[in-house]
């Protein structure tokens, strides 16, 4: 039976937004215990000129999405102002399978997704780089890094559609888990979640009390800047890939 429950005895803490908690059922089915402790949440940024921004968005050659949160906020604005998918004439670029899936559910066809789900790889592989200065719109959150704007060899227009809110109230959940569980892995999917954990948890008990897992080399770099040792960082930047790696490792001593 143990072989059928590869996560038996393991506790996995999910620190991303509540959207990332969809893996909870999979963890439970594999014998693990999932702890949902979102250290960040996102909310749509409402603007008085959203309708005008959408009109402008319809004219771009490319619209770029790098997160499911950006898709959700953009979709909300479309609904509020009665814009349809076929109003947008440009191609769609996406980073990540979750982002792409969210776009496809809206009815968009994704024309480009990089081989590695990261902005710096996007810059290297984006087909428009080899073209003739297309007009590109980046749908972003307020904490998005300047990787795309700095790296693409043409002007990139940015539209901030959502904001990230730190959830310091959730750190007590993580502390309680660490104090009462023997084999804990904390998964980070963004530098923003890393920042909250570093301030509220690691500052009190350090980084060695748990196994540390990162999704993406940008998140891994953020952890390492705080002095954390990243135990798990899969080559495929998805939550499922992290869970598969956790299944392979022994108990956290």
C-alpha atoms as a PDB file:
ATOM      1  CA  UNK A   1       0.000   0.000   0.000  1.00  0.00           C
ATOM      2  CA  UNK A   2       2.927   2.301   0.775  1.00  0.00           C
ATOM      3  CA  UNK A   3       3.988   2.191  -2.876  1.00  0.00           C
ATOM      4  CA  UNK A   4       0.543   3.452  -3.852  1.00  0.00           C
ATOM      5  CA  UNK A   5       0.840   6.395  -1.452  1.00  0.00           C
ATOM      6  CA  UNK A   6       4.184   8.004  -2.309  1.00  0.00           C
ATOM      7  CA  UNK A   7       3.386  11.124  -0.274  1.00  0.00           C
ATOM      8  CA  UNK A   8       2.414   9.233   2.896  1.00  0.00           C
ATOM      9  CA  UNK A   9       3.781  11.023   5.949  1.00  0.00           C
ATOM     10  CA  UNK A  10       4.613  14.180   3.995  1.00  0.00           C
ATOM     11  CA  UNK A  11       3.092  17.601   4.557  1.00  0.00           C
ATOM     12  CA  UNK A  12       3.130  20.035   1.645  1.00  0.00           C
ATOM     13  CA  UNK A  13       2.544  23.733   2.224  1.00  0.00           C
ATOM     14  CA  UNK A  14       1.171  25.721  -0.728  1.00  0.00           C
ATOM     15  CA  UNK A  15       2.098  29.402  -0.380  1.00  0.00           C
ATOM     16  CA  UNK A  16       0.785  30.810  -3.659  1.00  0.00           C
ATOM     17  CA  UNK A  17      -2.565  32.416  -4.298  1.00  0.00           C
ATOM     18  CA  UNK A  18      -5.695  30.396  -3.633  1.00  0.00           C
ATOM     19  CA  UNK A  19      -5.737  29.436  -7.343  1.00  0.00           C
ATOM     20  CA  UNK A  20      -2.674  27.226  -6.802  1.00  0.00           C
ATOM     21  CA  UNK A  21      -4.524  25.211  -4.180  1.00  0.00           C
ATOM     22  CA  UNK A  22      -6.198  23.159  -6.923  1.00  0.00           C
ATOM     23  CA  UNK A  23      -3.453  20.551  -6.469  1.00  0.00           C
ATOM     24  CA  UNK A  24      -4.739  19.780  -2.948  1.00  0.00           C
ATOM     25  CA  UNK A  25      -6.880  16.825  -4.043  1.00  0.00           C
ATOM     26  CA  UNK A  26      -3.946  15.274  -5.903  1.00  0.00           C
ATOM     27  CA  UNK A  27      -1.724  15.530  -2.826  1.00  0.00           C
ATOM     28  CA  UNK A  28      -4.380  13.910  -0.654  1.00  0.00           C
ATOM     29  CA  UNK A  29      -4.934  11.089  -3.151  1.00  0.00           C
ATOM     30  CA  UNK A  30      -1.210  10.327  -3.019  1.00  0.00           C
ATOM     31  CA  UNK A  31      -1.298  10.032   0.776  1.00  0.00           C
ATOM     32  CA  UNK A  32       0.054  13.482   1.597  1.00  0.00           C
ATOM     33  CA  UNK A  33      -1.302  16.292   3.732  1.00  0.00           C
ATOM     34  CA  UNK A  34      -1.801  19.623   1.961  1.00  0.00           C
ATOM     35  CA  UNK A  35      -1.732  22.850   3.951  1.00  0.00           C
ATOM     36  CA  UNK A  36      -3.205  25.845   2.142  1.00  0.00           C
ATOM     37  CA  UNK A  37      -1.469  29.010   3.321  1.00  0.00           C
ATOM     38  CA  UNK A  38      -1.578  31.662   0.587  1.00  0.00           C
ATOM     39  CA  UNK A  39       1.050  34.264   1.402  1.00  0.00           C
ATOM     40  CA  UNK A  40      -0.180  36.424  -1.467  1.00  0.00           C
ATOM     41  CA  UNK A  41      -3.481  37.127  -3.152  1.00  0.00           C
ATOM     42  CA  UNK A  42      -4.305  39.191  -6.186  1.00  0.00           C
ATOM     43  CA  UNK A  43      -7.051  41.671  -6.918  1.00  0.00           C
ATOM     44  CA  UNK A  44      -8.072  43.421 -10.095  1.00  0.00           C
ATOM     45  CA  UNK A  45      -6.881  46.998 -10.457  1.00  0.00           C
ATOM     46  CA  UNK A  46      -9.857  49.041 -11.581  1.00  0.00           C
ATOM     47  CA  UNK A  47      -9.257  52.106 -13.723  1.00  0.00           C
ATOM     48  CA  UNK A  48     -11.515  54.861 -14.981  1.00  0.00           C
ATOM     49  CA  UNK A  49     -10.199  54.336 -18.521  1.00  0.00           C
ATOM     50  CA  UNK A  50     -10.439  50.537 -18.722  1.00  0.00           C
ATOM     51  CA  UNK A  51     -12.856  50.667 -21.647  1.00  0.00           C
ATOM     52  CA  UNK A  52     -10.463  52.880 -23.596  1.00  0.00           C
ATOM     53  CA  UNK A  53      -7.563  50.591 -22.713  1.00  0.00           C
ATOM     54  CA  UNK A  54      -9.487  47.629 -24.084  1.00  0.00           C
ATOM     55  CA  UNK A  55     -10.172  49.504 -27.317  1.00  0.00           C
ATOM     56  CA  UNK A  56      -6.451  50.131 -27.685  1.00  0.00           C
ATOM     57  CA  UNK A  57      -5.680  46.494 -26.863  1.00  0.00           C
ATOM     58  CA  UNK A  58      -7.788  45.433 -29.837  1.00  0.00           C
ATOM     59  CA  UNK A  59      -5.274  47.041 -32.199  1.00  0.00           C
ATOM     60  CA  UNK A  60      -2.017  45.442 -31.021  1.00  0.00           C
ATOM     61  CA  UNK A  61      -0.170  42.839 -33.107  1.00  0.00           C
ATOM     62  CA  UNK A  62       0.557  40.783 -29.973  1.00  0.00           C
ATOM     63  CA  UNK A  63      -0.942  40.636 -26.477  1.00  0.00           C
ATOM     64  CA  UNK A  64       1.321  38.977 -23.900  1.00  0.00           C
ATOM     65  CA  UNK A  65       0.142  37.247 -20.714  1.00  0.00           C
ATOM     66  CA  UNK A  66       2.581  35.816 -18.178  1.00  0.00           C
ATOM     67  CA  UNK A  67       0.193  34.653 -15.456  1.00  0.00           C
ATOM     68  CA  UNK A  68      -3.281  33.272 -14.881  1.00  0.00           C
ATOM     69  CA  UNK A  69      -3.937  36.274 -12.631  1.00  0.00           C
ATOM     70  CA  UNK A  70      -3.413  38.612 -15.570  1.00  0.00           C
ATOM     71  CA  UNK A  71      -5.812  36.567 -17.679  1.00  0.00           C
ATOM     72  CA  UNK A  72      -8.476  36.621 -14.970  1.00  0.00           C
ATOM     73  CA  UNK A  73      -8.243  40.389 -14.486  1.00  0.00           C
ATOM     74  CA  UNK A  74      -8.284  41.000 -18.242  1.00  0.00           C
ATOM     75  CA  UNK A  75     -11.318  38.719 -18.620  1.00  0.00           C
ATOM     76  CA  UNK A  76     -13.113  40.616 -15.869  1.00  0.00           C
ATOM     77  CA  UNK A  77     -12.558  43.892 -17.706  1.00  0.00           C
ATOM     78  CA  UNK A  78     -13.767  42.335 -20.962  1.00  0.00           C
ATOM     79  CA  UNK A  79     -16.955  41.224 -19.245  1.00  0.00           C
ATOM     80  CA  UNK A  80     -17.555  44.569 -17.529  1.00  0.00           C
ATOM     81  CA  UNK A  81     -17.218  46.494 -20.786  1.00  0.00           C
ATOM     82  CA  UNK A  82     -18.763  43.883 -23.097  1.00  0.00           C
ATOM     83  CA  UNK A  83     -15.711  43.101 -25.209  1.00  0.00           C
ATOM     84  CA  UNK A  84     -15.539  39.785 -27.066  1.00  0.00           C
ATOM     85  CA  UNK A  85     -12.566  37.645 -27.974  1.00  0.00           C
ATOM     86  CA  UNK A  86     -13.068  38.385 -31.658  1.00  0.00           C
ATOM     87  CA  UNK A  87     -12.676  42.120 -30.963  1.00  0.00           C
ATOM     88  CA  UNK A  88      -8.931  41.574 -30.563  1.00  0.00           C
ATOM     89  CA  UNK A  89      -7.099  41.252 -33.860  1.00  0.00           C
ATOM     90  CA  UNK A  90      -3.624  40.451 -32.511  1.00  0.00           C
ATOM     91  CA  UNK A  91      -1.920  37.179 -31.728  1.00  0.00           C
ATOM     92  CA  UNK A  92      -1.699  35.905 -28.158  1.00  0.00           C
ATOM     93  CA  UNK A  93       1.530  34.954 -26.349  1.00  0.00           C
ATOM     94  CA  UNK A  94       1.460  33.128 -23.038  1.00  0.00           C
ATOM     95  CA  UNK A  95       3.867  31.884 -20.379  1.00  0.00           C
ATOM     96  CA  UNK A  96       2.880  28.625 -18.713  1.00  0.00           C
ATOM     97  CA  UNK A  97       0.295  25.912 -19.175  1.00  0.00           C
ATOM     98  CA  UNK A  98      -2.102  27.368 -16.579  1.00  0.00           C
ATOM     99  CA  UNK A  99      -1.999  30.762 -18.270  1.00  0.00           C
ATOM    100  CA  UNK A 100      -2.541  29.183 -21.667  1.00  0.00           C
ATOM    101  CA  UNK A 101      -5.418  27.049 -20.393  1.00  0.00           C
ATOM    102  CA  UNK A 102      -7.122  30.112 -18.887  1.00  0.00           C
ATOM    103  CA  UNK A 103      -6.800  31.974 -22.188  1.00  0.00           C
ATOM    104  CA  UNK A 104      -8.164  29.044 -24.183  1.00  0.00           C
ATOM    105  CA  UNK A 105     -11.149  28.773 -21.855  1.00  0.00           C
ATOM    106  CA  UNK A 106     -11.987  32.373 -22.760  1.00  0.00           C
ATOM    107  CA  UNK A 107     -11.816  31.479 -26.445  1.00  0.00           C
ATOM    108  CA  UNK A 108      -8.381  32.897 -27.288  1.00  0.00           C
ATOM    109  CA  UNK A 109      -5.987  30.926 -29.459  1.00  0.00           C
ATOM    110  CA  UNK A 110      -2.436  31.038 -28.085  1.00  0.00           C
ATOM    111  CA  UNK A 111       0.103  31.473 -30.880  1.00  0.00           C
ATOM    112  CA  UNK A 112       3.281  31.313 -28.793  1.00  0.00           C
ATOM    113  CA  UNK A 113       4.419  29.805 -25.485  1.00  0.00           C
ATOM    114  CA  UNK A 114       8.131  29.528 -24.605  1.00  0.00           C
ATOM    115  CA  UNK A 115       9.757  26.143 -23.997  1.00  0.00           C
ATOM    116  CA  UNK A 116      10.590  27.177 -20.408  1.00  0.00           C
ATOM    117  CA  UNK A 117       7.938  29.082 -18.491  1.00  0.00           C
ATOM    118  CA  UNK A 118       9.981  32.162 -17.657  1.00  0.00           C
ATOM    119  CA  UNK A 119      10.157  35.749 -18.922  1.00  0.00           C
ATOM    120  CA  UNK A 120      13.866  35.618 -19.762  1.00  0.00           C
ATOM    121  CA  UNK A 121      13.362  32.546 -21.947  1.00  0.00           C
ATOM    122  CA  UNK A 122      10.327  34.233 -23.509  1.00  0.00           C
ATOM    123  CA  UNK A 123      12.571  37.118 -24.599  1.00  0.00           C
ATOM    124  CA  UNK A 124      14.949  34.706 -26.329  1.00  0.00           C
ATOM    125  CA  UNK A 125      12.299  32.639 -28.094  1.00  0.00           C
ATOM    126  CA  UNK A 126       9.524  35.126 -28.886  1.00  0.00           C
ATOM    127  CA  UNK A 127       9.049  34.885 -32.692  1.00  0.00           C
ATOM    128  CA  UNK A 128       8.274  38.587 -33.003  1.00  0.00           C
ATOM    129  CA  UNK A 129      11.901  39.335 -32.061  1.00  0.00           C
ATOM    130  CA  UNK A 130      12.914  38.256 -35.557  1.00  0.00           C
ATOM    131  CA  UNK A 131      10.146  40.308 -37.144  1.00  0.00           C
ATOM    132  CA  UNK A 132       9.785  43.965 -37.970  1.00  0.00           C
ATOM    133  CA  UNK A 133       8.981  45.861 -34.760  1.00  0.00           C
ATOM    134  CA  UNK A 134       5.456  44.621 -34.013  1.00  0.00           C
ATOM    135  CA  UNK A 135       3.183  46.452 -31.602  1.00  0.00           C
ATOM    136  CA  UNK A 136       3.057  44.448 -28.358  1.00  0.00           C
ATOM    137  CA  UNK A 137       0.942  44.861 -25.237  1.00  0.00           C
ATOM    138  CA  UNK A 138       2.007  43.217 -21.963  1.00  0.00           C
ATOM    139  CA  UNK A 139      -0.872  42.510 -19.543  1.00  0.00           C
ATOM    140  CA  UNK A 140       0.826  42.540 -16.142  1.00  0.00           C
ATOM    141  CA  UNK A 141       0.599  42.822 -12.386  1.00  0.00           C
ATOM    142  CA  UNK A 142       2.125  45.751 -10.519  1.00  0.00           C
ATOM    143  CA  UNK A 143       5.017  43.627  -9.246  1.00  0.00           C
ATOM    144  CA  UNK A 144       6.018  42.239 -12.616  1.00  0.00           C
ATOM    145  CA  UNK A 145       9.726  42.591 -13.298  1.00  0.00           C
ATOM    146  CA  UNK A 146      11.070  44.585 -16.248  1.00  0.00           C
ATOM    147  CA  UNK A 147      12.480  41.485 -17.999  1.00  0.00           C
ATOM    148  CA  UNK A 148      10.200  41.760 -21.027  1.00  0.00           C
ATOM    149  CA  UNK A 149      10.417  45.533 -21.398  1.00  0.00           C
ATOM    150  CA  UNK A 150      14.207  45.530 -21.015  1.00  0.00           C
ATOM    151  CA  UNK A 151      14.840  42.418 -23.084  1.00  0.00           C
ATOM    152  CA  UNK A 152      12.632  42.811 -26.150  1.00  0.00           C
ATOM    153  CA  UNK A 153      14.252  44.821 -28.983  1.00  0.00           C
ATOM    154  CA  UNK A 154      11.221  47.015 -29.583  1.00  0.00           C
ATOM    155  CA  UNK A 155       8.863  49.206 -27.572  1.00  0.00           C
ATOM    156  CA  UNK A 156       6.562  47.258 -25.282  1.00  0.00           C
ATOM    157  CA  UNK A 157       3.363  48.855 -24.014  1.00  0.00           C
ATOM    158  CA  UNK A 158       2.374  47.688 -20.515  1.00  0.00           C
ATOM    159  CA  UNK A 159      -1.040  47.627 -18.865  1.00  0.00           C
ATOM    160  CA  UNK A 160      -1.191  46.846 -15.148  1.00  0.00           C
ATOM    161  CA  UNK A 161      -4.474  45.033 -14.525  1.00  0.00           C
ATOM    162  CA  UNK A 162      -3.982  43.456 -11.089  1.00  0.00           C
ATOM    163  CA  UNK A 163      -2.210  44.006  -7.782  1.00  0.00           C
ATOM    164  CA  UNK A 164      -0.592  41.594  -5.337  1.00  0.00           C
ATOM    165  CA  UNK A 165      -1.516  41.750  -1.657  1.00  0.00           C
ATOM    166  CA  UNK A 166       0.667  40.151   1.030  1.00  0.00           C
ATOM    167  CA  UNK A 167      -1.134  37.756   3.402  1.00  0.00           C
ATOM    168  CA  UNK A 168       0.786  38.002   6.669  1.00  0.00           C
ATOM    169  CA  UNK A 169      -2.163  36.432   8.491  1.00  0.00           C
ATOM    170  CA  UNK A 170      -1.280  33.073   6.924  1.00  0.00           C
ATOM    171  CA  UNK A 171       2.205  32.773   8.375  1.00  0.00           C
ATOM    172  CA  UNK A 172       0.871  31.518  11.709  1.00  0.00           C
ATOM    173  CA  UNK A 173      -0.662  28.584   9.815  1.00  0.00           C
ATOM    174  CA  UNK A 174       2.764  27.717   8.433  1.00  0.00           C
ATOM    175  CA  UNK A 175       4.496  28.110  11.794  1.00  0.00           C
ATOM    176  CA  UNK A 176       1.969  25.800  13.444  1.00  0.00           C
ATOM    177  CA  UNK A 177       2.492  23.237  10.692  1.00  0.00           C
ATOM    178  CA  UNK A 178       6.273  23.309  11.052  1.00  0.00           C
ATOM    179  CA  UNK A 179       6.069  22.903  14.811  1.00  0.00           C
ATOM    180  CA  UNK A 180       3.692  19.917  14.669  1.00  0.00           C
ATOM    181  CA  UNK A 181       4.685  18.008  11.513  1.00  0.00           C
ATOM    182  CA  UNK A 182       7.848  15.977  10.899  1.00  0.00           C
ATOM    183  CA  UNK A 183       8.315  16.105   7.130  1.00  0.00           C
ATOM    184  CA  UNK A 184       7.287  19.466   5.674  1.00  0.00           C
ATOM    185  CA  UNK A 185       7.918  20.814   2.194  1.00  0.00           C
ATOM    186  CA  UNK A 186       7.087  24.446   1.491  1.00  0.00           C
ATOM    187  CA  UNK A 187       6.419  25.259  -2.175  1.00  0.00           C
ATOM    188  CA  UNK A 188       7.068  28.740  -3.555  1.00  0.00           C
ATOM    189  CA  UNK A 189       5.861  29.826  -6.983  1.00  0.00           C
ATOM    190  CA  UNK A 190       6.776  33.517  -6.897  1.00  0.00           C
ATOM    191  CA  UNK A 191       9.309  35.917  -5.361  1.00  0.00           C
ATOM    192  CA  UNK A 192       6.403  37.755  -3.698  1.00  0.00           C
ATOM    193  CA  UNK A 193       5.533  34.707  -1.569  1.00  0.00           C
ATOM    194  CA  UNK A 194       9.219  34.255  -0.787  1.00  0.00           C
ATOM    195  CA  UNK A 195       9.383  37.819   0.554  1.00  0.00           C
ATOM    196  CA  UNK A 196       6.519  37.268   2.998  1.00  0.00           C
ATOM    197  CA  UNK A 197       7.910  33.942   4.226  1.00  0.00           C
ATOM    198  CA  UNK A 198      11.365  35.431   4.691  1.00  0.00           C
ATOM    199  CA  UNK A 199      10.013  38.306   6.793  1.00  0.00           C
ATOM    200  CA  UNK A 200       7.515  36.370   8.900  1.00  0.00           C
ATOM    201  CA  UNK A 201       8.757  32.785   9.135  1.00  0.00           C
ATOM    202  CA  UNK A 202      12.401  32.374   8.164  1.00  0.00           C
ATOM    203  CA  UNK A 203      13.356  35.385  10.270  1.00  0.00           C
ATOM    204  CA  UNK A 204      12.183  33.421  13.324  1.00  0.00           C
ATOM    205  CA  UNK A 205      13.147  29.814  12.593  1.00  0.00           C
ATOM    206  CA  UNK A 206      15.505  29.961   9.623  1.00  0.00           C
ATOM    207  CA  UNK A 207      15.206  28.033   6.357  1.00  0.00           C
ATOM    208  CA  UNK A 208      16.397  24.607   7.477  1.00  0.00           C
ATOM    209  CA  UNK A 209      13.259  23.505   9.347  1.00  0.00           C
ATOM    210  CA  UNK A 210      11.550  22.435   6.126  1.00  0.00           C
ATOM    211  CA  UNK A 211      12.329  21.210   2.656  1.00  0.00           C
ATOM    212  CA  UNK A 212      12.194  24.113   0.204  1.00  0.00           C
ATOM    213  CA  UNK A 213      10.725  23.712  -3.292  1.00  0.00           C
ATOM    214  CA  UNK A 214      10.678  26.371  -6.005  1.00  0.00           C
ATOM    215  CA  UNK A 215       8.773  26.676  -9.248  1.00  0.00           C
ATOM    216  CA  UNK A 216      10.993  28.487 -11.720  1.00  0.00           C
ATOM    217  CA  UNK A 217      14.542  29.776 -11.624  1.00  0.00           C
ATOM    218  CA  UNK A 218      13.404  33.315 -10.825  1.00  0.00           C
ATOM    219  CA  UNK A 219      11.742  32.078  -7.632  1.00  0.00           C
ATOM    220  CA  UNK A 220      14.780  29.908  -6.928  1.00  0.00           C
ATOM    221  CA  UNK A 221      17.034  32.962  -7.231  1.00  0.00           C
ATOM    222  CA  UNK A 222      14.791  34.923  -4.843  1.00  0.00           C
ATOM    223  CA  UNK A 223      15.100  32.152  -2.249  1.00  0.00           C
ATOM    224  CA  UNK A 224      18.859  31.955  -2.631  1.00  0.00           C
ATOM    225  CA  UNK A 225      19.145  35.712  -2.137  1.00  0.00           C
ATOM    226  CA  UNK A 226      17.692  35.175   1.324  1.00  0.00           C
ATOM    227  CA  UNK A 227      20.185  32.402   2.029  1.00  0.00           C
ATOM    228  CA  UNK A 228      17.773  29.505   1.537  1.00  0.00           C
ATOM    229  CA  UNK A 229      18.896  26.186   0.104  1.00  0.00           C
ATOM    230  CA  UNK A 230      16.478  25.083  -2.605  1.00  0.00           C
ATOM    231  CA  UNK A 231      15.990  21.325  -2.286  1.00  0.00           C
ATOM    232  CA  UNK A 232      13.593  20.870  -5.211  1.00  0.00           C
ATOM    233  CA  UNK A 233      13.389  22.807  -8.467  1.00  0.00           C
ATOM    234  CA  UNK A 234      12.006  20.767 -11.392  1.00  0.00           C
ATOM    235  CA  UNK A 235      12.996  21.467 -14.966  1.00  0.00           C
ATOM    236  CA  UNK A 236       9.318  21.852 -15.879  1.00  0.00           C
ATOM    237  CA  UNK A 237       7.869  24.871 -14.080  1.00  0.00           C
ATOM    238  CA  UNK A 238       4.543  23.465 -12.909  1.00  0.00           C
ATOM    239  CA  UNK A 239       3.015  22.520  -9.567  1.00  0.00           C
ATOM    240  CA  UNK A 240       2.528  18.958 -10.747  1.00  0.00           C
ATOM    241  CA  UNK A 241       6.228  18.643 -11.568  1.00  0.00           C
ATOM    242  CA  UNK A 242       7.130  19.789  -8.050  1.00  0.00           C
ATOM    243  CA  UNK A 243       4.831  17.179  -6.515  1.00  0.00           C
ATOM    244  CA  UNK A 244       6.439  14.482  -8.653  1.00  0.00           C
ATOM    245  CA  UNK A 245       9.874  15.517  -7.389  1.00  0.00           C
ATOM    246  CA  UNK A 246       8.701  15.485  -3.761  1.00  0.00           C
ATOM    247  CA  UNK A 247       7.524  11.903  -4.243  1.00  0.00           C
ATOM    248  CA  UNK A 248      11.102  10.881  -5.094  1.00  0.00           C
ATOM    249  CA  UNK A 249      12.842  12.231  -2.007  1.00  0.00           C
ATOM    250  CA  UNK A 250      13.217  10.702   1.447  1.00  0.00           C
ATOM    251  CA  UNK A 251      12.093  12.093   4.767  1.00  0.00           C
ATOM    252  CA  UNK A 252      13.323  15.495   5.845  1.00  0.00           C
ATOM    253  CA  UNK A 253      15.705  14.792   8.713  1.00  0.00           C
END
